[in-house]
Amino acid sequence: MSDPIDAKEFEGISGIVAKPLERVNVRSRESQVTQSAWKLEVTSPKGSGAILVVEVSLQETHYRGEGLFLGWSQERLAGAYRALAPKSDDTDPEMPQLG
């Protein structure tokens, strides 16, 4: 398992430690199709939680909060995800060679 991301603060919750993003499978009630989502797990002195992000299309993204983030609005979850998700160090990502 990778080392957690350094401690951060968001909306008055200090000491947040985020784990690296994980790709997970999710299903919704209205669909029989399994989709992929990004899961951001965090721990803090106030508890632990996760934010799941499902990109339905280029224009439609859904957020789901667990634990510490349970009951948060879509806007608040989106802000927390942007603030807490690890930033890429790659400025020029390499494209994989296929074929």
PDB file of N, CA and C in Angstrom:
ATOM      1  N   MET A   1       0.843  -1.182   0.000  1.00  0.00           N
ATOM      2  CA  MET A   1       0.000   0.000   0.000  1.00  0.00           C
ATOM      3  C   MET A   1       0.885   1.241   0.000  1.00  0.00           C
ATOM      4  N   SER A   2       0.485   2.265  -0.775  1.00  0.00           N
ATOM      5  CA  SER A   2       1.246   3.499  -0.893  1.00  0.00           C
ATOM      6  C   SER A   2       1.127   4.337   0.367  1.00  0.00           C
ATOM      7  N   ASP A   3       2.092   5.233   0.520  1.00  0.00           N
ATOM      8  CA  ASP A   3       2.046   6.151   1.652  1.00  0.00           C
ATOM      9  C   ASP A   3       0.909   7.146   1.468  1.00  0.00           C
ATOM     10  N   PRO A   4       0.262   7.578   2.573  1.00  0.00           N
ATOM     11  CA  PRO A   4      -0.815   8.557   2.454  1.00  0.00           C
ATOM     12  C   PRO A   4      -0.274   9.920   2.045  1.00  0.00           C
ATOM     13  N   ILE A   5      -1.147  10.743   1.484  1.00  0.00           N
ATOM     14  CA  ILE A   5      -0.815  12.113   1.122  1.00  0.00           C
ATOM     15  C   ILE A   5      -0.686  12.924   2.413  1.00  0.00           C
ATOM     16  N   ASP A   6       0.126  13.998   2.392  1.00  0.00           N
ATOM     17  CA  ASP A   6       0.367  14.795   3.596  1.00  0.00           C
ATOM     18  C   ASP A   6      -0.921  15.395   4.156  1.00  0.00           C
ATOM     19  N   ALA A   7      -0.883  15.734   5.437  1.00  0.00           N
ATOM     20  CA  ALA A   7      -2.060  16.239   6.153  1.00  0.00           C
ATOM     21  C   ALA A   7      -2.502  17.581   5.589  1.00  0.00           C
ATOM     22  N   LYS A   8      -3.817  17.771   5.498  1.00  0.00           N
ATOM     23  CA  LYS A   8      -4.401  18.999   4.956  1.00  0.00           C
ATOM     24  C   LYS A   8      -5.540  19.449   5.854  1.00  0.00           C
ATOM     25  N   GLU A   9      -6.095  20.605   5.518  1.00  0.00           N
ATOM     26  CA  GLU A   9      -7.260  21.124   6.232  1.00  0.00           C
ATOM     27  C   GLU A   9      -8.319  21.510   5.214  1.00  0.00           C
ATOM     28  N   PHE A  10      -9.577  21.179   5.519  1.00  0.00           N
ATOM     29  CA  PHE A  10     -10.686  21.549   4.646  1.00  0.00           C
ATOM     30  C   PHE A  10     -11.918  21.776   5.499  1.00  0.00           C
ATOM     31  N   GLU A  11     -12.567  22.905   5.306  1.00  0.00           N
ATOM     32  CA  GLU A  11     -13.809  23.268   6.000  1.00  0.00           C
ATOM     33  C   GLU A  11     -13.744  23.028   7.508  1.00  0.00           C
ATOM     34  N   GLY A  12     -12.664  23.473   8.115  1.00  0.00           N
ATOM     35  CA  GLY A  12     -12.532  23.370   9.562  1.00  0.00           C
ATOM     36  C   GLY A  12     -12.108  22.010  10.079  1.00  0.00           C
ATOM     37  N   ILE A  13     -11.910  21.055   9.187  1.00  0.00           N
ATOM     38  CA  ILE A  13     -11.428  19.730   9.591  1.00  0.00           C
ATOM     39  C   ILE A  13      -9.930  19.714   9.322  1.00  0.00           C
ATOM     40  N   SER A  14      -9.141  19.685  10.377  1.00  0.00           N
ATOM     41  CA  SER A  14      -7.688  19.720  10.190  1.00  0.00           C
ATOM     42  C   SER A  14      -7.103  18.322  10.347  1.00  0.00           C
ATOM     43  N   GLY A  15      -5.883  18.165   9.897  1.00  0.00           N
ATOM     44  CA  GLY A  15      -5.181  16.899  10.022  1.00  0.00           C
ATOM     45  C   GLY A  15      -5.698  15.810   9.099  1.00  0.00           C
ATOM     46  N   ILE A  16      -6.281  16.197   7.972  1.00  0.00           N
ATOM     47  CA  ILE A  16      -6.808  15.211   7.024  1.00  0.00           C
ATOM     48  C   ILE A  16      -5.653  14.556   6.285  1.00  0.00           C
ATOM     49  N   VAL A  17      -5.662  13.239   6.266  1.00  0.00           N
ATOM     50  CA  VAL A  17      -4.657  12.470   5.528  1.00  0.00           C
ATOM     51  C   VAL A  17      -5.392  11.663   4.464  1.00  0.00           C
ATOM     52  N   ALA A  18      -5.064  11.926   3.195  1.00  0.00           N
ATOM     53  CA  ALA A  18      -5.739  11.260   2.077  1.00  0.00           C
ATOM     54  C   ALA A  18      -4.877  10.124   1.543  1.00  0.00           C
ATOM     55  N   LYS A  19      -5.502   8.994   1.300  1.00  0.00           N
ATOM     56  CA  LYS A  19      -4.821   7.876   0.659  1.00  0.00           C
ATOM     57  C   LYS A  19      -4.794   8.110  -0.846  1.00  0.00           C
ATOM     58  N   PRO A  20      -3.943   7.414  -1.578  1.00  0.00           N
ATOM     59  CA  PRO A  20      -3.961   7.542  -3.040  1.00  0.00           C
ATOM     60  C   PRO A  20      -5.324   7.133  -3.601  1.00  0.00           C
ATOM     61  N   LEU A  21      -5.698   7.740  -4.725  1.00  0.00           N
ATOM     62  CA  LEU A  21      -6.969   7.411  -5.359  1.00  0.00           C
ATOM     63  C   LEU A  21      -7.020   5.947  -5.744  1.00  0.00           C
ATOM     64  N   GLU A  22      -8.207   5.374  -5.629  1.00  0.00           N
ATOM     65  CA  GLU A  22      -8.423   3.963  -5.957  1.00  0.00           C
ATOM     66  C   GLU A  22      -9.579   3.875  -6.944  1.00  0.00           C
ATOM     67  N   ARG A  23      -9.441   3.015  -7.935  1.00  0.00           N
ATOM     68  CA  ARG A  23     -10.519   2.790  -8.899  1.00  0.00           C
ATOM     69  C   ARG A  23     -11.403   1.678  -8.360  1.00  0.00           C
ATOM     70  N   VAL A  24     -12.729   1.910  -8.279  1.00  0.00           N
ATOM     71  CA  VAL A  24     -13.670   0.932  -7.736  1.00  0.00           C
ATOM     72  C   VAL A  24     -14.860   0.785  -8.678  1.00  0.00           C
ATOM     73  N   ASN A  25     -15.581  -0.317  -8.559  1.00  0.00           N
ATOM     74  CA  ASN A  25     -16.807  -0.555  -9.330  1.00  0.00           C
ATOM     75  C   ASN A  25     -18.012  -0.112  -8.514  1.00  0.00           C
ATOM     76  N   VAL A  26     -18.976   0.534  -9.183  1.00  0.00           N
ATOM     77  CA  VAL A  26     -20.203   0.980  -8.521  1.00  0.00           C
ATOM     78  C   VAL A  26     -21.403   0.672  -9.403  1.00  0.00           C
ATOM     79  N   ARG A  27     -22.559   0.549  -8.776  1.00  0.00           N
ATOM     80  CA  ARG A  27     -23.829   0.376  -9.494  1.00  0.00           C
ATOM     81  C   ARG A  27     -24.830   1.342  -8.895  1.00  0.00           C
ATOM     82  N   SER A  28     -25.720   1.844  -9.729  1.00  0.00           N
ATOM     83  CA  SER A  28     -26.772   2.729  -9.241  1.00  0.00           C
ATOM     84  C   SER A  28     -28.103   1.989  -9.298  1.00  0.00           C
ATOM     85  N   ARG A  29     -29.060   2.484  -8.566  1.00  0.00           N
ATOM     86  CA  ARG A  29     -30.375   1.840  -8.514  1.00  0.00           C
ATOM     87  C   ARG A  29     -31.076   1.863  -9.862  1.00  0.00           C
ATOM     88  N   GLU A  30     -30.888   2.952 -10.609  1.00  0.00           N
ATOM     89  CA  GLU A  30     -31.619   3.083 -11.865  1.00  0.00           C
ATOM     90  C   GLU A  30     -30.932   2.436 -13.062  1.00  0.00           C
ATOM     91  N   SER A  31     -29.779   1.812 -12.864  1.00  0.00           N
ATOM     92  CA  SER A  31     -29.052   1.198 -13.976  1.00  0.00           C
ATOM     93  C   SER A  31     -28.609  -0.210 -13.615  1.00  0.00           C
ATOM     94  N   GLN A  32     -28.606  -1.077 -14.591  1.00  0.00           N
ATOM     95  CA  GLN A  32     -28.115  -2.438 -14.373  1.00  0.00           C
ATOM     96  C   GLN A  32     -26.677  -2.579 -14.850  1.00  0.00           C
ATOM     97  N   VAL A  33     -26.042  -1.458 -15.136  1.00  0.00           N
ATOM     98  CA  VAL A  33     -24.681  -1.449 -15.646  1.00  0.00           C
ATOM     99  C   VAL A  33     -23.711  -1.098 -14.516  1.00  0.00           C
ATOM    100  N   THR A  34     -22.634  -1.847 -14.415  1.00  0.00           N
ATOM    101  CA  THR A  34     -21.587  -1.541 -13.450  1.00  0.00           C
ATOM    102  C   THR A  34     -20.664  -0.495 -14.067  1.00  0.00           C
ATOM    103  N   GLN A  35     -20.366   0.556 -13.304  1.00  0.00           N
ATOM    104  CA  GLN A  35     -19.487   1.619 -13.764  1.00  0.00           C
ATOM    105  C   GLN A  35     -18.259   1.694 -12.873  1.00  0.00           C
ATOM    106  N   SER A  36     -17.241   2.392 -13.352  1.00  0.00           N
ATOM    107  CA  SER A  36     -16.052   2.644 -12.552  1.00  0.00           C
ATOM    108  C   SER A  36     -16.173   4.001 -11.882  1.00  0.00           C
ATOM    109  N   ALA A  37     -15.561   4.122 -10.723  1.00  0.00           N
ATOM    110  CA  ALA A  37     -15.553   5.389 -10.000  1.00  0.00           C
ATOM    111  C   ALA A  37     -14.188   5.559  -9.350  1.00  0.00           C
ATOM    112  N   TRP A  38     -13.858   6.797  -9.015  1.00  0.00           N
ATOM    113  CA  TRP A  38     -12.652   7.078  -8.242  1.00  0.00           C
ATOM    114  C   TRP A  38     -13.058   7.197  -6.778  1.00  0.00           C
ATOM    115  N   LYS A  39     -12.277   6.578  -5.900  1.00  0.00           N
ATOM    116  CA  LYS A  39     -12.558   6.632  -4.465  1.00  0.00           C
ATOM    117  C   LYS A  39     -11.389   7.301  -3.759  1.00  0.00           C
ATOM    118  N   LEU A  40     -11.706   8.366  -3.030  1.00  0.00           N
ATOM    119  CA  LEU A  40     -10.728   9.090  -2.241  1.00  0.00           C
ATOM    120  C   LEU A  40     -11.024   8.836  -0.769  1.00  0.00           C
ATOM    121  N   GLU A  41     -10.178   8.027  -0.128  1.00  0.00           N
ATOM    122  CA  GLU A  41     -10.360   7.732   1.302  1.00  0.00           C
ATOM    123  C   GLU A  41      -9.493   8.671   2.125  1.00  0.00           C
ATOM    124  N   VAL A  42     -10.056   9.146   3.236  1.00  0.00           N
ATOM    125  CA  VAL A  42      -9.322  10.043   4.121  1.00  0.00           C
ATOM    126  C   VAL A  42      -9.519   9.635   5.581  1.00  0.00           C
ATOM    127  N   THR A  43      -8.561  10.029   6.395  1.00  0.00           N
ATOM    128  CA  THR A  43      -8.684   9.902   7.845  1.00  0.00           C
ATOM    129  C   THR A  43      -8.363  11.257   8.452  1.00  0.00           C
ATOM    130  N   SER A  44      -8.937  11.519   9.619  1.00  0.00           N
ATOM    131  CA  SER A  44      -8.665  12.755  10.347  1.00  0.00           C
ATOM    132  C   SER A  44      -8.953  12.494  11.817  1.00  0.00           C
ATOM    133  N   PRO A  45      -8.558  13.418  12.690  1.00  0.00           N
ATOM    134  CA  PRO A  45      -8.892  13.259  14.106  1.00  0.00           C
ATOM    135  C   PRO A  45     -10.403  13.197  14.359  1.00  0.00           C
ATOM    136  N   LYS A  46     -11.219  13.730  13.437  1.00  0.00           N
ATOM    137  CA  LYS A  46     -12.675  13.705  13.597  1.00  0.00           C
ATOM    138  C   LYS A  46     -13.308  12.439  13.029  1.00  0.00           C
ATOM    139  N   GLY A  47     -12.520  11.572  12.396  1.00  0.00           N
ATOM    140  CA  GLY A  47     -13.049  10.337  11.838  1.00  0.00           C
ATOM    141  C   GLY A  47     -12.520  10.085  10.437  1.00  0.00           C
ATOM    142  N   SER A  48     -13.047   9.038   9.814  1.00  0.00           N
ATOM    143  CA  SER A  48     -12.618   8.697   8.462  1.00  0.00           C
ATOM    144  C   SER A  48     -13.814   8.766   7.522  1.00  0.00           C
ATOM    145  N   GLY A  49     -13.516   8.767   6.236  1.00  0.00           N
ATOM    146  CA  GLY A  49     -14.578   8.814   5.253  1.00  0.00           C
ATOM    147  C   GLY A  49     -14.021   8.655   3.857  1.00  0.00           C
ATOM    148  N   ALA A  50     -14.910   8.749   2.897  1.00  0.00           N
ATOM    149  CA  ALA A  50     -14.505   8.622   1.497  1.00  0.00           C
ATOM    150  C   ALA A  50     -15.448   9.426   0.620  1.00  0.00           C
ATOM    151  N   ILE A  51     -14.906   9.849  -0.515  1.00  0.00           N
ATOM    152  CA  ILE A  51     -15.703  10.489  -1.559  1.00  0.00           C
ATOM    153  C   ILE A  51     -15.543   9.642  -2.810  1.00  0.00           C
ATOM    154  N   LEU A  52     -16.673   9.201  -3.369  1.00  0.00           N
ATOM    155  CA  LEU A  52     -16.667   8.461  -4.631  1.00  0.00           C
ATOM    156  C   LEU A  52     -17.121   9.392  -5.732  1.00  0.00           C
ATOM    157  N   VAL A  53     -16.429   9.334  -6.865  1.00  0.00           N
ATOM    158  CA  VAL A  53     -16.740  10.183  -8.005  1.00  0.00           C
ATOM    159  C   VAL A  53     -17.048   9.304  -9.202  1.00  0.00           C
ATOM    160  N   VAL A  54     -18.267   9.448  -9.733  1.00  0.00           N
ATOM    161  CA  VAL A  54     -18.696   8.702 -10.914  1.00  0.00           C
ATOM    162  C   VAL A  54     -18.873   9.704 -12.045  1.00  0.00           C
ATOM    163  N   GLU A  55     -18.095   9.531 -13.102  1.00  0.00           N
ATOM    164  CA  GLU A  55     -18.219  10.402 -14.269  1.00  0.00           C
ATOM    165  C   GLU A  55     -19.136   9.706 -15.267  1.00  0.00           C
ATOM    166  N   VAL A  56     -20.397  10.128 -15.291  1.00  0.00           N
ATOM    167  CA  VAL A  56     -21.411   9.523 -16.150  1.00  0.00           C
ATOM    168  C   VAL A  56     -21.156   9.906 -17.604  1.00  0.00           C
ATOM    169  N   SER A  57     -20.822  11.165 -17.847  1.00  0.00           N
ATOM    170  CA  SER A  57     -20.478  11.667 -19.174  1.00  0.00           C
ATOM    171  C   SER A  57     -19.550  12.857 -18.966  1.00  0.00           C
ATOM    172  N   LEU A  58     -19.147  13.491 -20.068  1.00  0.00           N
ATOM    173  CA  LEU A  58     -18.272  14.658 -19.938  1.00  0.00           C
ATOM    174  C   LEU A  58     -18.961  15.807 -19.204  1.00  0.00           C
ATOM    175  N   GLN A  59     -20.289  15.851 -19.258  1.00  0.00           N
ATOM    176  CA  GLN A  59     -21.032  16.936 -18.623  1.00  0.00           C
ATOM    177  C   GLN A  59     -21.673  16.537 -17.295  1.00  0.00           C
ATOM    178  N   GLU A  60     -21.637  15.268 -16.932  1.00  0.00           N
ATOM    179  CA  GLU A  60     -22.360  14.806 -15.745  1.00  0.00           C
ATOM    180  C   GLU A  60     -21.452  13.987 -14.825  1.00  0.00           C
ATOM    181  N   THR A  61     -21.254  14.516 -13.623  1.00  0.00           N
ATOM    182  CA  THR A  61     -20.445  13.852 -12.605  1.00  0.00           C
ATOM    183  C   THR A  61     -21.257  13.791 -11.318  1.00  0.00           C
ATOM    184  N   HIS A  62     -21.229  12.624 -10.655  1.00  0.00           N
ATOM    185  CA  HIS A  62     -21.934  12.444  -9.387  1.00  0.00           C
ATOM    186  C   HIS A  62     -20.922  12.147  -8.284  1.00  0.00           C
ATOM    187  N   TYR A  63     -21.181  12.692  -7.102  1.00  0.00           N
ATOM    188  CA  TYR A  63     -20.337  12.477  -5.926  1.00  0.00           C
ATOM    189  C   TYR A  63     -21.154  11.779  -4.857  1.00  0.00           C
ATOM    190  N   ARG A  64     -20.515  10.866  -4.121  1.00  0.00           N
ATOM    191  CA  ARG A  64     -21.173  10.207  -2.999  1.00  0.00           C
ATOM    192  C   ARG A  64     -20.229  10.249  -1.804  1.00  0.00           C
ATOM    193  N   GLY A  65     -20.735  10.709  -0.676  1.00  0.00           N
ATOM    194  CA  GLY A  65     -19.933  10.802   0.531  1.00  0.00           C
ATOM    195  C   GLY A  65     -20.208   9.643   1.467  1.00  0.00           C
ATOM    196  N   GLU A  66     -19.152   9.159   2.100  1.00  0.00           N
ATOM    197  CA  GLU A  66     -19.259   8.098   3.098  1.00  0.00           C
ATOM    198  C   GLU A  66     -18.568   8.563   4.379  1.00  0.00           C
ATOM    199  N   GLY A  67     -19.031   8.070   5.513  1.00  0.00           N
ATOM    200  CA  GLY A  67     -18.393   8.386   6.793  1.00  0.00           C
ATOM    201  C   GLY A  67     -18.396   9.876   7.079  1.00  0.00           C
ATOM    202  N   LEU A  68     -17.230  10.469   7.184  1.00  0.00           N
ATOM    203  CA  LEU A  68     -17.053  11.883   7.490  1.00  0.00           C
ATOM    204  C   LEU A  68     -17.813  12.788   6.520  1.00  0.00           C
ATOM    205  N   PHE A  69     -18.002  12.351   5.277  1.00  0.00           N
ATOM    206  CA  PHE A  69     -18.644  13.159   4.237  1.00  0.00           C
ATOM    207  C   PHE A  69     -20.115  12.816   4.012  1.00  0.00           C
ATOM    208  N   LEU A  70     -20.673  11.933   4.811  1.00  0.00           N
ATOM    209  CA  LEU A  70     -22.065  11.507   4.655  1.00  0.00           C
ATOM    210  C   LEU A  70     -23.008  12.693   4.839  1.00  0.00           C
ATOM    211  N   GLY A  71     -23.933  12.853   3.894  1.00  0.00           N
ATOM    212  CA  GLY A  71     -24.907  13.924   3.977  1.00  0.00           C
ATOM    213  C   GLY A  71     -24.469  15.238   3.356  1.00  0.00           C
ATOM    214  N   TRP A  72     -23.246  15.318   2.853  1.00  0.00           N
ATOM    215  CA  TRP A  72     -22.763  16.542   2.220  1.00  0.00           C
ATOM    216  C   TRP A  72     -23.431  16.711   0.862  1.00  0.00           C
ATOM    217  N   SER A  73     -23.626  17.956   0.426  1.00  0.00           N
ATOM    218  CA  SER A  73     -24.212  18.255  -0.881  1.00  0.00           C
ATOM    219  C   SER A  73     -23.220  17.925  -2.001  1.00  0.00           C
ATOM    220  N   GLN A  74     -23.731  17.825  -3.222  1.00  0.00           N
ATOM    221  CA  GLN A  74     -22.879  17.566  -4.386  1.00  0.00           C
ATOM    222  C   GLN A  74     -21.804  18.653  -4.532  1.00  0.00           C
ATOM    223  N   GLU A  75     -22.168  19.905  -4.319  1.00  0.00           N
ATOM    224  CA  GLU A  75     -21.223  21.010  -4.452  1.00  0.00           C
ATOM    225  C   GLU A  75     -20.124  20.932  -3.393  1.00  0.00           C
ATOM    226  N   ARG A  76     -20.512  20.626  -2.180  1.00  0.00           N
ATOM    227  CA  ARG A  76     -19.533  20.534  -1.092  1.00  0.00           C
ATOM    228  C   ARG A  76     -18.604  19.340  -1.292  1.00  0.00           C
ATOM    229  N   LEU A  77     -19.146  18.204  -1.748  1.00  0.00           N
ATOM    230  CA  LEU A  77     -18.312  17.030  -2.036  1.00  0.00           C
ATOM    231  C   LEU A  77     -17.342  17.319  -3.175  1.00  0.00           C
ATOM    232  N   ALA A  78     -17.821  18.008  -4.218  1.00  0.00           N
ATOM    233  CA  ALA A  78     -16.951  18.349  -5.349  1.00  0.00           C
ATOM    234  C   ALA A  78     -15.794  19.231  -4.888  1.00  0.00           C
ATOM    235  N   GLY A  79     -16.077  20.207  -4.051  1.00  0.00           N
ATOM    236  CA  GLY A  79     -15.031  21.082  -3.526  1.00  0.00           C
ATOM    237  C   GLY A  79     -14.028  20.331  -2.673  1.00  0.00           C
ATOM    238  N   ALA A  80     -14.523  19.440  -1.826  1.00  0.00           N
ATOM    239  CA  ALA A  80     -13.636  18.643  -0.973  1.00  0.00           C
ATOM    240  C   ALA A  80     -12.761  17.727  -1.818  1.00  0.00           C
ATOM    241  N   TYR A  81     -13.352  17.109  -2.833  1.00  0.00           N
ATOM    242  CA  TYR A  81     -12.590  16.214  -3.712  1.00  0.00           C
ATOM    243  C   TYR A  81     -11.477  16.987  -4.423  1.00  0.00           C
ATOM    244  N   ARG A  82     -11.800  18.156  -4.971  1.00  0.00           N
ATOM    245  CA  ARG A  82     -10.781  18.959  -5.664  1.00  0.00           C
ATOM    246  C   ARG A  82      -9.673  19.389  -4.709  1.00  0.00           C
ATOM    247  N   ALA A  83     -10.032  19.732  -3.478  1.00  0.00           N
ATOM    248  CA  ALA A  83      -9.039  20.208  -2.516  1.00  0.00           C
ATOM    249  C   ALA A  83      -8.163  19.091  -1.969  1.00  0.00           C
ATOM    250  N   LEU A  84      -8.731  17.895  -1.804  1.00  0.00           N
ATOM    251  CA  LEU A  84      -8.022  16.831  -1.103  1.00  0.00           C
ATOM    252  C   LEU A  84      -7.387  15.776  -2.009  1.00  0.00           C
ATOM    253  N   ALA A  85      -7.855  15.660  -3.244  1.00  0.00           N
ATOM    254  CA  ALA A  85      -7.303  14.642  -4.148  1.00  0.00           C
ATOM    255  C   ALA A  85      -5.849  14.972  -4.460  1.00  0.00           C
ATOM    256  N   PRO A  86      -5.006  13.942  -4.544  1.00  0.00           N
ATOM    257  CA  PRO A  86      -3.598  14.183  -4.866  1.00  0.00           C
ATOM    258  C   PRO A  86      -3.472  14.819  -6.249  1.00  0.00           C
ATOM    259  N   LYS A  87      -2.555  15.769  -6.356  1.00  0.00           N
ATOM    260  CA  LYS A  87      -2.295  16.425  -7.628  1.00  0.00           C
ATOM    261  C   LYS A  87      -1.212  15.639  -8.369  1.00  0.00           C
ATOM    262  N   SER A  88      -1.343  15.552  -9.668  1.00  0.00           N
ATOM    263  CA  SER A  88      -0.371  14.844 -10.500  1.00  0.00           C
ATOM    264  C   SER A  88       0.917  15.644 -10.577  1.00  0.00           C
ATOM    265  N   ASP A  89       2.048  14.958 -10.450  1.00  0.00           N
ATOM    266  CA  ASP A  89       3.355  15.590 -10.600  1.00  0.00           C
ATOM    267  C   ASP A  89       3.786  15.633 -12.055  1.00  0.00           C
ATOM    268  N   ASP A  90       3.114  14.868 -12.909  1.00  0.00           N
ATOM    269  CA  ASP A  90       3.466  14.790 -14.323  1.00  0.00           C
ATOM    270  C   ASP A  90       2.954  16.018 -15.063  1.00  0.00           C
ATOM    271  N   THR A  91       3.862  16.775 -15.680  1.00  0.00           N
ATOM    272  CA  THR A  91       3.444  17.888 -16.515  1.00  0.00           C
ATOM    273  C   THR A  91       3.318  17.452 -17.968  1.00  0.00           C
ATOM    274  N   ASP A  92       3.998  16.358 -18.327  1.00  0.00           N
ATOM    275  CA  ASP A  92       3.945  15.836 -19.686  1.00  0.00           C
ATOM    276  C   ASP A  92       3.775  14.326 -19.613  1.00  0.00           C
ATOM    277  N   PRO A  93       2.539  13.863 -19.361  1.00  0.00           N
ATOM    278  CA  PRO A  93       2.344  12.421 -19.214  1.00  0.00           C
ATOM    279  C   PRO A  93       2.645  11.683 -20.519  1.00  0.00           C
ATOM    280  N   GLU A  94       3.234  10.505 -20.388  1.00  0.00           N
ATOM    281  CA  GLU A  94       3.535   9.691 -21.556  1.00  0.00           C
ATOM    282  C   GLU A  94       2.319   8.876 -21.930  1.00  0.00           C
ATOM    283  N   MET A  95       2.086   8.763 -23.214  1.00  0.00           N
ATOM    284  CA  MET A  95       0.997   7.933 -23.719  1.00  0.00           C
ATOM    285  C   MET A  95       1.497   6.495 -23.800  1.00  0.00           C
ATOM    286  N   PRO A  96       0.695   5.511 -23.374  1.00  0.00           N
ATOM    287  CA  PRO A  96       1.141   4.128 -23.437  1.00  0.00           C
ATOM    288  C   PRO A  96       1.253   3.667 -24.893  1.00  0.00           C
ATOM    289  N   GLN A  97       2.239   2.831 -25.147  1.00  0.00           N
ATOM    290  CA  GLN A  97       2.412   2.262 -26.477  1.00  0.00           C
ATOM    291  C   GLN A  97       1.526   1.034 -26.603  1.00  0.00           C
ATOM    292  N   LEU A  98       0.553   1.098 -27.484  1.00  0.00           N
ATOM    293  CA  LEU A  98      -0.360  -0.010 -27.686  1.00  0.00           C
ATOM    294  C   LEU A  98      -0.066  -0.678 -29.015  1.00  0.00           C
ATOM    295  N   GLY A  99      -0.225  -2.009 -29.057  1.00  0.00           N
ATOM    296  CA  GLY A  99      -0.107  -2.701 -30.330  1.00  0.00           C
ATOM    297  C   GLY A  99       1.112  -3.464 -30.538  1.00  0.00           C
TER     298      GLY A  99
END
